[in-house]
Amino acid sequence: MNIRKNSGTTTAEAFRTAVPPADAPSEKVARAVWNLVELRLMDVGGQHPRTIEDVAGSVLKRVRPAERTEVEVVAMQALTVAVDTAVRAGREKRTLFVNDVFTALATRWSPIFRNTPGRSLWRGEKKENTLIDARREMLQAGVDLARLWNAVRDPRRQPAQGKRDSSETTIHCR
């Protein structure tokens, strides 16, 4: 899956009318996780800690100031899901792929993804249009896969020759 496909801006109105997530972490849990990891999330170059603006979807710049907190909470919830997916991969001593993070996020923020047959992206159980529509729904809900993937993947891992971005990373847990 190309994590840049269908990335882009979404409107504030689309965010306001997005379907609420299913089984997303609570605001309390998401804020606790954000407080634990915020200063440890480095940008891809390893130069500076990430801020909520680095993780939140592009809709953060388009909403009214009164709605900003809501977008930030969604970003924290989505990051919590992405971090949980990475930790699970590490515990299971397996490589984390962008598809793993996508599946975890789409299961919560995309009704289309949840309501279509199949669970796996790996075996082609989901149709390409379903994945594109799920990506759009996630963006409208304020969940930006590309930003979240960059936050949880190993910033020291260099993209493969000729690729713009790495779609896998190895998680080491002790």
Protein backbone atom coordinates (compact mmCIF):
# COMPACT_ATOMS: atom_id res chain seq x y z
CA MET A 1 0.00 0.00 0.00
CA ASN A 2 1.34 3.38 -0.94
CA ILE A 3 0.91 5.47 2.19
CA ARG A 4 0.90 8.66 0.17
CA LYS A 5 -2.06 7.65 -2.02
CA ASN A 6 -5.11 9.71 -1.16
CA SER A 7 -3.16 11.70 1.43
CA GLY A 8 -3.99 15.30 1.47
CA THR A 9 -6.21 17.92 2.86
CA THR A 10 -9.67 17.41 4.20
CA THR A 11 -12.21 20.03 5.01
CA ALA A 12 -13.37 21.15 8.41
CA GLU A 13 -16.92 20.31 7.36
CA ALA A 14 -15.90 16.72 6.51
CA PHE A 15 -14.31 16.45 9.97
CA ARG A 16 -17.46 17.77 11.65
CA THR A 17 -19.65 15.20 9.88
CA ALA A 18 -17.29 12.21 10.16
CA VAL A 19 -18.70 9.09 11.78
CA PRO A 20 -17.38 8.67 15.35
CA PRO A 21 -14.75 5.94 15.75
CA ALA A 22 -15.54 2.44 16.94
CA ASP A 23 -13.56 1.18 19.94
CA ALA A 24 -11.05 4.03 19.89
CA PRO A 25 -9.10 4.65 23.10
CA SER A 26 -10.76 7.02 25.52
CA GLU A 27 -9.63 10.62 25.68
CA LYS A 28 -8.11 9.96 29.11
CA VAL A 29 -6.03 7.03 27.84
CA ALA A 30 -5.01 8.89 24.68
CA ARG A 31 -3.82 11.91 26.67
CA ALA A 32 -1.89 9.66 29.06
CA VAL A 33 -0.15 7.92 26.15
CA TRP A 34 0.59 11.27 24.49
CA ASN A 35 2.16 12.56 27.70
CA LEU A 36 4.35 9.44 27.87
CA VAL A 37 5.57 9.48 24.27
CA GLU A 38 5.42 13.12 23.16
CA LEU A 39 9.03 14.00 23.93
CA ARG A 40 10.31 10.68 22.59
CA LEU A 41 8.76 10.94 19.13
CA MET A 42 11.47 12.20 16.82
CA ASP A 43 11.04 13.39 13.28
CA VAL A 44 12.44 11.21 10.50
CA GLY A 45 15.73 13.13 10.56
CA GLY A 46 15.95 12.72 14.33
CA GLN A 47 16.32 16.47 14.76
CA HIS A 48 13.39 17.55 16.92
CA PRO A 49 10.58 16.08 18.98
CA ARG A 50 7.24 15.91 17.24
CA THR A 51 4.36 18.10 18.29
CA ILE A 52 0.66 17.40 18.04
CA GLU A 53 0.67 19.39 14.79
CA ASP A 54 3.11 16.82 13.33
CA VAL A 55 0.78 13.92 14.16
CA ALA A 56 -2.67 15.46 13.61
CA GLY A 57 -4.30 15.45 10.21
CA SER A 58 -4.24 18.49 7.96
CA VAL A 59 -7.74 19.36 9.15
CA LEU A 60 -6.16 20.78 12.32
CA LYS A 61 -5.27 23.92 10.34
CA ARG A 62 -8.79 24.25 8.96
CA VAL A 63 -11.04 23.95 12.00
CA ARG A 64 -12.21 26.78 14.20
CA PRO A 65 -10.11 27.40 17.32
CA ALA A 66 -12.90 25.95 19.47
CA GLU A 67 -12.68 22.66 17.52
CA ARG A 68 -8.90 22.35 17.71
CA THR A 69 -8.98 20.35 20.94
CA GLU A 70 -11.27 17.78 19.34
CA VAL A 71 -8.87 17.29 16.41
CA GLU A 72 -5.94 17.01 18.81
CA VAL A 73 -7.76 14.32 20.82
CA VAL A 74 -8.40 12.33 17.64
CA ALA A 75 -4.70 12.58 16.80
CA MET A 76 -3.78 11.36 20.29
CA GLN A 77 -6.27 8.49 20.02
CA ALA A 78 -4.92 7.49 16.61
CA LEU A 79 -1.34 7.69 17.85
CA THR A 80 -2.30 5.48 20.80
CA VAL A 81 -3.65 2.87 18.35
CA ALA A 82 -0.49 3.12 16.21
CA VAL A 83 1.81 2.80 19.24
CA ASP A 84 -0.20 -0.16 20.52
CA THR A 85 0.16 -1.83 17.11
CA ALA A 86 3.93 -1.26 17.21
CA VAL A 87 4.24 -2.61 20.76
CA ARG A 88 2.26 -5.73 19.82
CA ALA A 89 4.57 -6.33 16.85
CA GLY A 90 7.58 -5.99 19.14
CA ARG A 91 6.18 -8.39 21.71
CA GLU A 92 5.49 -10.90 18.96
CA LYS A 93 9.02 -10.33 17.55
CA ARG A 94 7.73 -9.49 14.10
CA THR A 95 8.29 -6.67 11.69
CA LEU A 96 5.79 -3.84 11.80
CA PHE A 97 4.39 -2.88 8.42
CA VAL A 98 2.43 0.21 7.45
CA ASN A 99 -0.43 -2.14 6.54
CA ASP A 100 -0.60 -3.27 10.18
CA VAL A 101 -1.00 0.32 11.33
CA PHE A 102 -3.48 1.05 8.54
CA THR A 103 -5.63 -1.94 9.50
CA ALA A 104 -5.67 -0.95 13.18
CA LEU A 105 -6.64 2.63 12.36
CA ALA A 106 -9.17 1.79 9.62
CA THR A 107 -10.88 -0.73 11.90
CA ARG A 108 -11.71 2.17 14.20
CA TRP A 109 -12.12 5.20 11.93
CA SER A 110 -13.56 3.76 8.70
CA PRO A 111 -17.11 2.37 8.61
CA ILE A 112 -16.50 1.20 5.02
CA PHE A 113 -13.47 -0.83 6.12
CA ARG A 114 -15.34 -2.33 9.07
CA ASN A 115 -18.43 -3.20 7.05
CA THR A 116 -16.82 -4.90 4.04
CA PRO A 117 -15.88 -8.58 3.96
CA GLY A 118 -12.36 -9.67 4.80
CA ARG A 119 -9.85 -8.67 7.43
CA SER A 120 -6.49 -8.88 5.76
CA LEU A 121 -4.77 -6.48 3.41
CA TRP A 122 -2.07 -9.08 2.90
CA ARG A 123 -4.16 -11.72 1.17
CA GLY A 124 -6.12 -9.30 -0.96
CA GLU A 125 -9.32 -9.81 1.01
CA LYS A 126 -10.14 -6.11 0.83
CA LYS A 127 -10.69 -4.53 -2.58
CA GLU A 128 -8.53 -1.57 -3.63
CA ASN A 129 -11.53 0.78 -3.73
CA THR A 130 -12.41 -0.21 -0.18
CA LEU A 131 -8.90 0.74 0.95
CA ILE A 132 -8.99 4.06 -0.91
CA ASP A 133 -12.41 4.88 0.55
CA ALA A 134 -11.22 3.85 4.02
CA ARG A 135 -8.22 6.14 3.67
CA ARG A 136 -10.51 9.02 2.71
CA GLU A 137 -12.78 8.35 5.71
CA MET A 138 -9.78 8.28 8.01
CA LEU A 139 -8.54 11.62 6.69
CA GLN A 140 -11.99 13.14 7.09
CA ALA A 141 -12.03 11.91 10.69
CA GLY A 142 -8.66 13.60 11.29
CA VAL A 143 -6.51 10.43 11.10
CA ASP A 144 -3.51 10.82 8.78
CA LEU A 145 -1.78 7.49 8.20
CA ALA A 146 1.37 9.03 6.71
CA ARG A 147 1.92 11.30 9.71
CA LEU A 148 1.20 8.52 12.21
CA TRP A 149 3.44 6.05 10.39
CA ASN A 150 6.30 8.54 10.44
CA ALA A 151 5.76 8.99 14.17
CA VAL A 152 5.93 5.29 15.08
CA ARG A 153 8.45 3.90 12.59
CA ASP A 154 12.15 3.79 13.31
CA PRO A 155 13.52 7.17 12.11
CA ARG A 156 16.99 5.64 11.68
CA ARG A 157 15.75 3.13 9.13
CA GLN A 158 16.58 4.37 5.67
CA PRO A 159 14.09 3.87 2.84
CA ALA A 160 14.97 1.12 0.39
CA GLN A 161 16.88 2.19 -2.70
CA GLY A 162 14.59 4.15 -5.01
CA LYS A 163 11.67 4.30 -2.55
CA ARG A 164 10.30 7.50 -1.06
CA ASP A 165 9.31 6.00 2.26
CA SER A 166 9.85 2.82 4.20
CA SER A 167 6.76 0.64 4.54
CA GLU A 168 8.22 -1.56 7.26
CA THR A 169 10.23 -1.24 10.40
CA THR A 170 11.56 -3.67 12.96
CA ILE A 171 10.53 -3.18 16.56
CA HIS A 172 12.89 -4.38 19.27
CA CYS A 173 11.41 -5.07 22.69
CA ARG A 174 13.27 -6.35 25.71
